[in-house]
PDB file of all heavy atoms in Angstrom:
ATOM      1  N   ALA A   1      -2.249 -17.011  -6.417  1.00  0.00           N
ATOM      2  CA  ALA A   1      -1.227 -16.069  -5.982  1.00  0.00           C
ATOM      3  C   ALA A   1      -1.607 -15.222  -4.812  1.00  0.00           C
ATOM      4  O   ALA A   1      -0.792 -14.941  -3.886  1.00  0.00           O
ATOM      5  CB  ALA A   1      -0.764 -15.191  -7.208  1.00  0.00           C
ATOM      6  N   THR A   2      -2.803 -14.781  -4.854  1.00  0.00           N
ATOM      7  CA  THR A   2      -3.245 -13.858  -3.771  1.00  0.00           C
ATOM      8  C   THR A   2      -3.442 -14.648  -2.446  1.00  0.00           C
ATOM      9  O   THR A   2      -3.136 -14.175  -1.355  1.00  0.00           O
ATOM     10  CB  THR A   2      -4.584 -13.176  -4.118  1.00  0.00           C
ATOM     11  OG1 THR A   2      -5.616 -14.099  -4.628  1.00  0.00           O
ATOM     12  CG2 THR A   2      -4.313 -12.124  -5.243  1.00  0.00           C
ATOM     13  N   HIS A   3      -3.928 -15.940  -2.562  1.00  0.00           N
ATOM     14  CA  HIS A   3      -4.048 -16.714  -1.357  1.00  0.00           C
ATOM     15  C   HIS A   3      -2.668 -16.905  -0.671  1.00  0.00           C
ATOM     16  O   HIS A   3      -2.505 -16.761   0.502  1.00  0.00           O
ATOM     17  CB  HIS A   3      -4.569 -18.051  -1.697  1.00  0.00           C
ATOM     18  CG  HIS A   3      -6.103 -18.230  -1.456  1.00  0.00           C
ATOM     19  ND1 HIS A   3      -6.769 -17.773  -0.353  1.00  0.00           N
ATOM     20  CD2 HIS A   3      -7.029 -18.841  -2.253  1.00  0.00           C
ATOM     21  CE1 HIS A   3      -7.960 -18.050  -0.368  1.00  0.00           C
ATOM     22  NE2 HIS A   3      -8.243 -18.646  -1.548  1.00  0.00           N
ATOM     23  N   GLU A   4      -1.695 -17.168  -1.508  1.00  0.00           N
ATOM     24  CA  GLU A   4      -0.334 -17.416  -1.015  1.00  0.00           C
ATOM     25  C   GLU A   4       0.272 -16.167  -0.360  1.00  0.00           C
ATOM     26  O   GLU A   4       0.936 -16.225   0.609  1.00  0.00           O
ATOM     27  CB  GLU A   4       0.562 -17.926  -2.124  1.00  0.00           C
ATOM     28  CG  GLU A   4       1.976 -18.217  -1.722  1.00  0.00           C
ATOM     29  CD  GLU A   4       2.074 -19.470  -0.892  1.00  0.00           C
ATOM     30  OE1 GLU A   4       1.225 -20.324  -0.947  1.00  0.00           O
ATOM     31  OE2 GLU A   4       3.073 -19.587  -0.146  1.00  0.00           O
ATOM     32  N   ALA A   5      -0.061 -14.970  -0.952  1.00  0.00           N
ATOM     33  CA  ALA A   5       0.495 -13.679  -0.474  1.00  0.00           C
ATOM     34  C   ALA A   5      -0.292 -13.059   0.665  1.00  0.00           C
ATOM     35  O   ALA A   5       0.152 -12.090   1.231  1.00  0.00           O
ATOM     36  CB  ALA A   5       0.622 -12.769  -1.669  1.00  0.00           C
ATOM     37  N   GLY A   6      -1.473 -13.562   0.918  1.00  0.00           N
ATOM     38  CA  GLY A   6      -2.330 -12.970   1.961  1.00  0.00           C
ATOM     39  C   GLY A   6      -2.956 -11.678   1.450  1.00  0.00           C
ATOM     40  O   GLY A   6      -3.066 -10.655   2.161  1.00  0.00           O
ATOM     41  N   VAL A   7      -3.337 -11.657   0.198  1.00  0.00           N
ATOM     42  CA  VAL A   7      -3.899 -10.587  -0.523  1.00  0.00           C
ATOM     43  C   VAL A   7      -5.317 -10.848  -0.952  1.00  0.00           C
ATOM     44  O   VAL A   7      -5.657 -11.998  -1.364  1.00  0.00           O
ATOM     45  CB  VAL A   7      -3.015 -10.248  -1.763  1.00  0.00           C
ATOM     46  CG1 VAL A   7      -3.639  -9.206  -2.675  1.00  0.00           C
ATOM     47  CG2 VAL A   7      -1.640  -9.784  -1.274  1.00  0.00           C
ATOM     48  N   GLU A   8      -6.227  -9.899  -0.886  1.00  0.00           N
ATOM     49  CA  GLU A   8      -7.584 -10.060  -1.317  1.00  0.00           C
ATOM     50  C   GLU A   8      -7.675 -10.096  -2.879  1.00  0.00           C
ATOM     51  O   GLU A   8      -6.835  -9.428  -3.538  1.00  0.00           O
ATOM     52  CB  GLU A   8      -8.500  -8.965  -0.811  1.00  0.00           C
ATOM     53  CG  GLU A   8      -8.716  -9.121   0.727  1.00  0.00           C
ATOM     54  CD  GLU A   8      -9.774  -8.108   1.202  1.00  0.00           C
ATOM     55  OE1 GLU A   8     -10.540  -7.569   0.348  1.00  0.00           O
ATOM     56  OE2 GLU A   8      -9.842  -7.796   2.388  1.00  0.00           O
ATOM     57  N   LEU A   9      -8.707 -10.733  -3.358  1.00  0.00           N
ATOM     58  CA  LEU A   9      -8.959 -10.644  -4.791  1.00  0.00           C
ATOM     59  C   LEU A   9     -10.459 -10.198  -5.033  1.00  0.00           C
ATOM     60  O   LEU A   9     -11.370 -10.883  -4.598  1.00  0.00           O
ATOM     61  CB  LEU A   9      -8.728 -12.024  -5.457  1.00  0.00           C
ATOM     62  CG  LEU A   9      -9.103 -12.196  -6.957  1.00  0.00           C
ATOM     63  CD1 LEU A   9      -8.199 -11.231  -7.740  1.00  0.00           C
ATOM     64  CD2 LEU A   9      -9.058 -13.582  -7.413  1.00  0.00           C
ATOM     65  N   LEU A  10     -10.546  -9.046  -5.802  1.00  0.00           N
ATOM     66  CA  LEU A  10     -11.830  -8.635  -6.222  1.00  0.00           C
ATOM     67  C   LEU A  10     -11.842  -8.766  -7.740  1.00  0.00           C
ATOM     68  O   LEU A  10     -10.849  -8.692  -8.363  1.00  0.00           O
ATOM     69  CB  LEU A  10     -12.065  -7.151  -5.845  1.00  0.00           C
ATOM     70  CG  LEU A  10     -12.538  -6.842  -4.417  1.00  0.00           C
ATOM     71  CD1 LEU A  10     -11.477  -7.217  -3.400  1.00  0.00           C
ATOM     72  CD2 LEU A  10     -12.889  -5.371  -4.309  1.00  0.00           C
ATOM     73  N   VAL A  11     -13.106  -9.036  -8.307  1.00  0.00           N
ATOM     74  CA  VAL A  11     -13.236  -9.097  -9.690  1.00  0.00           C
ATOM     75  C   VAL A  11     -14.037  -7.890 -10.204  1.00  0.00           C
ATOM     76  O   VAL A  11     -15.047  -7.519  -9.558  1.00  0.00           O
ATOM     77  CB  VAL A  11     -13.975 -10.396 -10.100  1.00  0.00           C
ATOM     78  CG1 VAL A  11     -14.410 -10.364 -11.596  1.00  0.00           C
ATOM     79  CG2 VAL A  11     -13.016 -11.584  -9.911  1.00  0.00           C
ATOM     80  N   GLY A  12     -13.608  -7.310 -11.301  1.00  0.00           N
ATOM     81  CA  GLY A  12     -14.389  -6.181 -11.899  1.00  0.00           C
ATOM     82  C   GLY A  12     -15.620  -6.609 -12.666  1.00  0.00           C
ATOM     83  O   GLY A  12     -15.573  -7.407 -13.514  1.00  0.00           O
ATOM     84  N   LYS A  13     -16.806  -6.096 -12.174  1.00  0.00           N
ATOM     85  CA  LYS A  13     -18.039  -6.132 -12.950  1.00  0.00           C
ATOM     86  C   LYS A  13     -18.684  -7.470 -12.944  1.00  0.00           C
ATOM     87  O   LYS A  13     -19.947  -7.630 -12.710  1.00  0.00           O
ATOM     88  CB  LYS A  13     -17.866  -5.637 -14.341  1.00  0.00           C
ATOM     89  CG  LYS A  13     -19.071  -5.566 -15.160  1.00  0.00           C
ATOM     90  CD  LYS A  13     -18.852  -5.028 -16.613  1.00  0.00           C
ATOM     91  CE  LYS A  13     -20.073  -4.969 -17.451  1.00  0.00           C
ATOM     92  NZ  LYS A  13     -19.816  -4.419 -18.775  1.00  0.00           N
ATOM     93  N   ASP A  14     -18.025  -8.590 -13.211  1.00  0.00           N
ATOM     94  CA  ASP A  14     -18.545  -9.852 -13.588  1.00  0.00           C
ATOM     95  C   ASP A  14     -18.682 -10.791 -12.304  1.00  0.00           C
ATOM     96  O   ASP A  14     -17.764 -11.412 -11.858  1.00  0.00           O
ATOM     97  CB  ASP A  14     -17.605 -10.525 -14.554  1.00  0.00           C
ATOM     98  CG  ASP A  14     -18.219 -11.824 -15.157  1.00  0.00           C
ATOM     99  OD1 ASP A  14     -19.150 -12.420 -14.572  1.00  0.00           O
ATOM    100  OD2 ASP A  14     -17.801 -12.224 -16.315  1.00  0.00           O
ATOM    101  N   ALA A  15     -19.919 -10.753 -11.799  1.00  0.00           N
ATOM    102  CA  ALA A  15     -20.219 -11.570 -10.598  1.00  0.00           C
ATOM    103  C   ALA A  15     -20.043 -13.033 -10.812  1.00  0.00           C
ATOM    104  O   ALA A  15     -19.631 -13.815  -9.903  1.00  0.00           O
ATOM    105  CB  ALA A  15     -21.546 -11.252 -10.013  1.00  0.00           C
ATOM    106  N   ASP A  16     -20.367 -13.518 -11.990  1.00  0.00           N
ATOM    107  CA  ASP A  16     -20.231 -14.966 -12.357  1.00  0.00           C
ATOM    108  C   ASP A  16     -18.742 -15.347 -12.330  1.00  0.00           C
ATOM    109  O   ASP A  16     -18.357 -16.421 -11.830  1.00  0.00           O
ATOM    110  CB  ASP A  16     -20.859 -15.262 -13.679  1.00  0.00           C
ATOM    111  CG  ASP A  16     -22.376 -15.177 -13.641  1.00  0.00           C
ATOM    112  OD1 ASP A  16     -22.964 -15.287 -12.535  1.00  0.00           O
ATOM    113  OD2 ASP A  16     -22.964 -15.002 -14.701  1.00  0.00           O
ATOM    114  N   LEU A  17     -17.897 -14.413 -12.849  1.00  0.00           N
ATOM    115  CA  LEU A  17     -16.462 -14.762 -12.860  1.00  0.00           C
ATOM    116  C   LEU A  17     -15.929 -14.729 -11.451  1.00  0.00           C
ATOM    117  O   LEU A  17     -15.150 -15.526 -11.063  1.00  0.00           O
ATOM    118  CB  LEU A  17     -15.727 -13.739 -13.703  1.00  0.00           C
ATOM    119  CG  LEU A  17     -14.229 -13.817 -13.733  1.00  0.00           C
ATOM    120  CD1 LEU A  17     -13.758 -15.183 -14.289  1.00  0.00           C
ATOM    121  CD2 LEU A  17     -13.643 -12.683 -14.585  1.00  0.00           C
ATOM    122  N   ALA A  18     -16.427 -13.806 -10.614  1.00  0.00           N
ATOM    123  CA  ALA A  18     -16.024 -13.726  -9.228  1.00  0.00           C
ATOM    124  C   ALA A  18     -16.307 -15.000  -8.528  1.00  0.00           C
ATOM    125  O   ALA A  18     -15.522 -15.537  -7.703  1.00  0.00           O
ATOM    126  CB  ALA A  18     -16.637 -12.539  -8.556  1.00  0.00           C
ATOM    127  N   ASP A  19     -17.497 -15.544  -8.733  1.00  0.00           N
ATOM    128  CA  ASP A  19     -17.885 -16.824  -8.173  1.00  0.00           C
ATOM    129  C   ASP A  19     -16.987 -17.947  -8.635  1.00  0.00           C
ATOM    130  O   ASP A  19     -16.566 -18.806  -7.918  1.00  0.00           O
ATOM    131  CB  ASP A  19     -19.337 -17.159  -8.536  1.00  0.00           C
ATOM    132  CG  ASP A  19     -20.350 -16.568  -7.552  1.00  0.00           C
ATOM    133  OD1 ASP A  19     -20.039 -16.492  -6.350  1.00  0.00           O
ATOM    134  OD2 ASP A  19     -21.421 -16.146  -7.990  1.00  0.00           O
ATOM    135  N   ALA A  20     -16.705 -17.966  -9.987  1.00  0.00           N
ATOM    136  CA  ALA A  20     -15.948 -19.020 -10.589  1.00  0.00           C
ATOM    137  C   ALA A  20     -14.532 -19.083  -9.999  1.00  0.00           C
ATOM    138  O   ALA A  20     -13.978 -20.206 -10.012  1.00  0.00           O
ATOM    139  CB  ALA A  20     -15.898 -18.819 -12.112  1.00  0.00           C
ATOM    140  N   VAL A  21     -13.930 -17.971  -9.683  1.00  0.00           N
ATOM    141  CA  VAL A  21     -12.525 -17.981  -9.143  1.00  0.00           C
ATOM    142  C   VAL A  21     -12.483 -17.835  -7.620  1.00  0.00           C
ATOM    143  O   VAL A  21     -11.391 -17.610  -7.151  1.00  0.00           O
ATOM    144  CB  VAL A  21     -11.698 -16.887  -9.910  1.00  0.00           C
ATOM    145  CG1 VAL A  21     -11.761 -17.129 -11.354  1.00  0.00           C
ATOM    146  CG2 VAL A  21     -12.155 -15.453  -9.526  1.00  0.00           C
ATOM    147  N   SER A  22     -13.624 -17.905  -6.952  1.00  0.00           N
ATOM    148  CA  SER A  22     -13.675 -17.827  -5.484  1.00  0.00           C
ATOM    149  C   SER A  22     -13.084 -16.502  -5.000  1.00  0.00           C
ATOM    150  O   SER A  22     -12.276 -16.459  -4.073  1.00  0.00           O
ATOM    151  CB  SER A  22     -12.893 -18.981  -4.880  1.00  0.00           C
ATOM    152  OG  SER A  22     -13.514 -20.209  -5.196  1.00  0.00           O
ATOM    153  N   ALA A  23     -13.488 -15.412  -5.614  1.00  0.00           N
ATOM    154  CA  ALA A  23     -12.964 -14.051  -5.298  1.00  0.00           C
ATOM    155  C   ALA A  23     -13.567 -13.654  -3.913  1.00  0.00           C
ATOM    156  O   ALA A  23     -14.568 -14.170  -3.430  1.00  0.00           O
ATOM    157  CB  ALA A  23     -13.335 -13.105  -6.418  1.00  0.00           C
ATOM    158  N   ASP A  24     -12.937 -12.604  -3.382  1.00  0.00           N
ATOM    159  CA  ASP A  24     -13.366 -12.059  -2.099  1.00  0.00           C
ATOM    160  C   ASP A  24     -14.353 -10.904  -2.285  1.00  0.00           C
ATOM    161  O   ASP A  24     -14.868 -10.398  -1.278  1.00  0.00           O
ATOM    162  CB  ASP A  24     -12.125 -11.483  -1.331  1.00  0.00           C
ATOM    163  CG  ASP A  24     -11.159 -12.586  -1.100  1.00  0.00           C
ATOM    164  OD1 ASP A  24     -11.470 -13.565  -0.418  1.00  0.00           O
ATOM    165  OD2 ASP A  24      -9.955 -12.431  -1.509  1.00  0.00           O
ATOM    166  N   GLY A  25     -14.641 -10.510  -3.516  1.00  0.00           N
ATOM    167  CA  GLY A  25     -15.550  -9.419  -3.705  1.00  0.00           C
ATOM    168  C   GLY A  25     -15.678  -9.000  -5.143  1.00  0.00           C
ATOM    169  O   GLY A  25     -15.093  -9.609  -6.056  1.00  0.00           O
ATOM    170  N   LEU A  26     -16.369  -7.862  -5.312  1.00  0.00           N
ATOM    171  CA  LEU A  26     -16.659  -7.359  -6.647  1.00  0.00           C
ATOM    172  C   LEU A  26     -16.442  -5.830  -6.752  1.00  0.00           C
ATOM    173  O   LEU A  26     -16.734  -5.134  -5.778  1.00  0.00           O
ATOM    174  CB  LEU A  26     -18.116  -7.649  -6.998  1.00  0.00           C
ATOM    175  CG  LEU A  26     -18.567  -7.507  -8.429  1.00  0.00           C
ATOM    176  CD1 LEU A  26     -17.973  -8.616  -9.323  1.00  0.00           C
ATOM    177  CD2 LEU A  26     -20.104  -7.583  -8.533  1.00  0.00           C
ATOM    178  N   HIS A  27     -15.898  -5.420  -7.858  1.00  0.00           N
ATOM    179  CA  HIS A  27     -15.719  -3.967  -8.126  1.00  0.00           C
ATOM    180  C   HIS A  27     -16.616  -3.590  -9.261  1.00  0.00           C
ATOM    181  O   HIS A  27     -16.508  -4.168 -10.390  1.00  0.00           O
ATOM    182  CB  HIS A  27     -14.284  -3.650  -8.420  1.00  0.00           C
ATOM    183  CG  HIS A  27     -14.095  -2.238  -8.879  1.00  0.00           C
ATOM    184  ND1 HIS A  27     -14.241  -1.178  -7.984  1.00  0.00           N
ATOM    185  CD2 HIS A  27     -13.816  -1.655 -10.119  1.00  0.00           C
ATOM    186  CE1 HIS A  27     -14.025  -0.073  -8.671  1.00  0.00           C
ATOM    187  NE2 HIS A  27     -13.800  -0.359  -9.931  1.00  0.00           N
ATOM    188  N   LEU A  28     -17.486  -2.576  -9.082  1.00  0.00           N
ATOM    189  CA  LEU A  28     -18.496  -2.174 -10.044  1.00  0.00           C
ATOM    190  C   LEU A  28     -17.992  -0.980 -10.842  1.00  0.00           C
ATOM    191  O   LEU A  28     -17.526   0.020 -10.226  1.00  0.00           O
ATOM    192  CB  LEU A  28     -19.775  -1.898  -9.409  1.00  0.00           C
ATOM    193  CG  LEU A  28     -20.465  -3.041  -8.751  1.00  0.00           C
ATOM    194  CD1 LEU A  28     -21.713  -2.556  -7.977  1.00  0.00           C
ATOM    195  CD2 LEU A  28     -20.924  -4.104  -9.717  1.00  0.00           C
ATOM    196  N   PRO A  29     -18.160  -0.930 -12.174  1.00  0.00           N
ATOM    197  CA  PRO A  29     -17.929   0.331 -12.862  1.00  0.00           C
ATOM    198  C   PRO A  29     -18.980   1.352 -12.443  1.00  0.00           C
ATOM    199  O   PRO A  29     -20.065   1.014 -11.964  1.00  0.00           O
ATOM    200  CB  PRO A  29     -18.070  -0.041 -14.357  1.00  0.00           C
ATOM    201  CG  PRO A  29     -18.842  -1.366 -14.253  1.00  0.00           C
ATOM    202  CD  PRO A  29     -18.602  -1.961 -13.023  1.00  0.00           C
ATOM    203  N   GLU A  30     -18.645   2.651 -12.672  1.00  0.00           N
ATOM    204  CA  GLU A  30     -19.524   3.682 -12.216  1.00  0.00           C
ATOM    205  C   GLU A  30     -20.962   3.575 -12.769  1.00  0.00           C
ATOM    206  O   GLU A  30     -22.026   3.769 -12.100  1.00  0.00           O
ATOM    207  CB  GLU A  30     -18.979   5.102 -12.561  1.00  0.00           C
ATOM    208  CG  GLU A  30     -19.790   6.209 -12.008  1.00  0.00           C
ATOM    209  CD  GLU A  30     -19.135   7.592 -12.277  1.00  0.00           C
ATOM    210  OE1 GLU A  30     -18.438   7.680 -13.312  1.00  0.00           O
ATOM    211  OE2 GLU A  30     -19.222   8.458 -11.385  1.00  0.00           O
ATOM    212  N   ARG A  31     -20.982   3.154 -14.058  1.00  0.00           N
ATOM    213  CA  ARG A  31     -22.381   3.168 -14.688  1.00  0.00           C
ATOM    214  C   ARG A  31     -23.168   1.982 -14.165  1.00  0.00           C
ATOM    215  O   ARG A  31     -24.389   1.896 -14.518  1.00  0.00           O
ATOM    216  CB  ARG A  31     -22.167   2.952 -16.257  1.00  0.00           C
ATOM    217  CG  ARG A  31     -21.527   1.710 -16.651  1.00  0.00           C
ATOM    218  CD  ARG A  31     -21.202   1.632 -18.129  1.00  0.00           C
ATOM    219  NE  ARG A  31     -20.506   0.439 -18.468  1.00  0.00           N
ATOM    220  CZ  ARG A  31     -19.193   0.245 -18.504  1.00  0.00           C
ATOM    221  NH1 ARG A  31     -18.411   1.301 -18.051  1.00  0.00           N
ATOM    222  NH2 ARG A  31     -18.654  -0.888 -18.814  1.00  0.00           N
ATOM    223  N   GLU A  32     -22.614   1.064 -13.440  1.00  0.00           N
ATOM    224  CA  GLU A  32     -23.325  -0.037 -12.848  1.00  0.00           C
ATOM    225  C   GLU A  32     -23.393  -0.014 -11.382  1.00  0.00           C
ATOM    226  O   GLU A  32     -23.692  -1.015 -10.721  1.00  0.00           O
ATOM    227  CB  GLU A  32     -22.780  -1.364 -13.373  1.00  0.00           C
ATOM    228  CG  GLU A  32     -22.786  -1.541 -14.891  1.00  0.00           C
ATOM    229  CD  GLU A  32     -22.392  -2.914 -15.345  1.00  0.00           C
ATOM    230  OE1 GLU A  32     -22.470  -3.893 -14.532  1.00  0.00           O
ATOM    231  OE2 GLU A  32     -22.043  -3.072 -16.511  1.00  0.00           O
TER     232      GLU A  32
END
């Protein structure tokens, strides 16, 4: 959906999940 819309996709916390879905980045919780 984001590719089609020209929108970035970040994944919260989970770098492995971000890799798995070809995300554009990562968002970290404050404690991490």
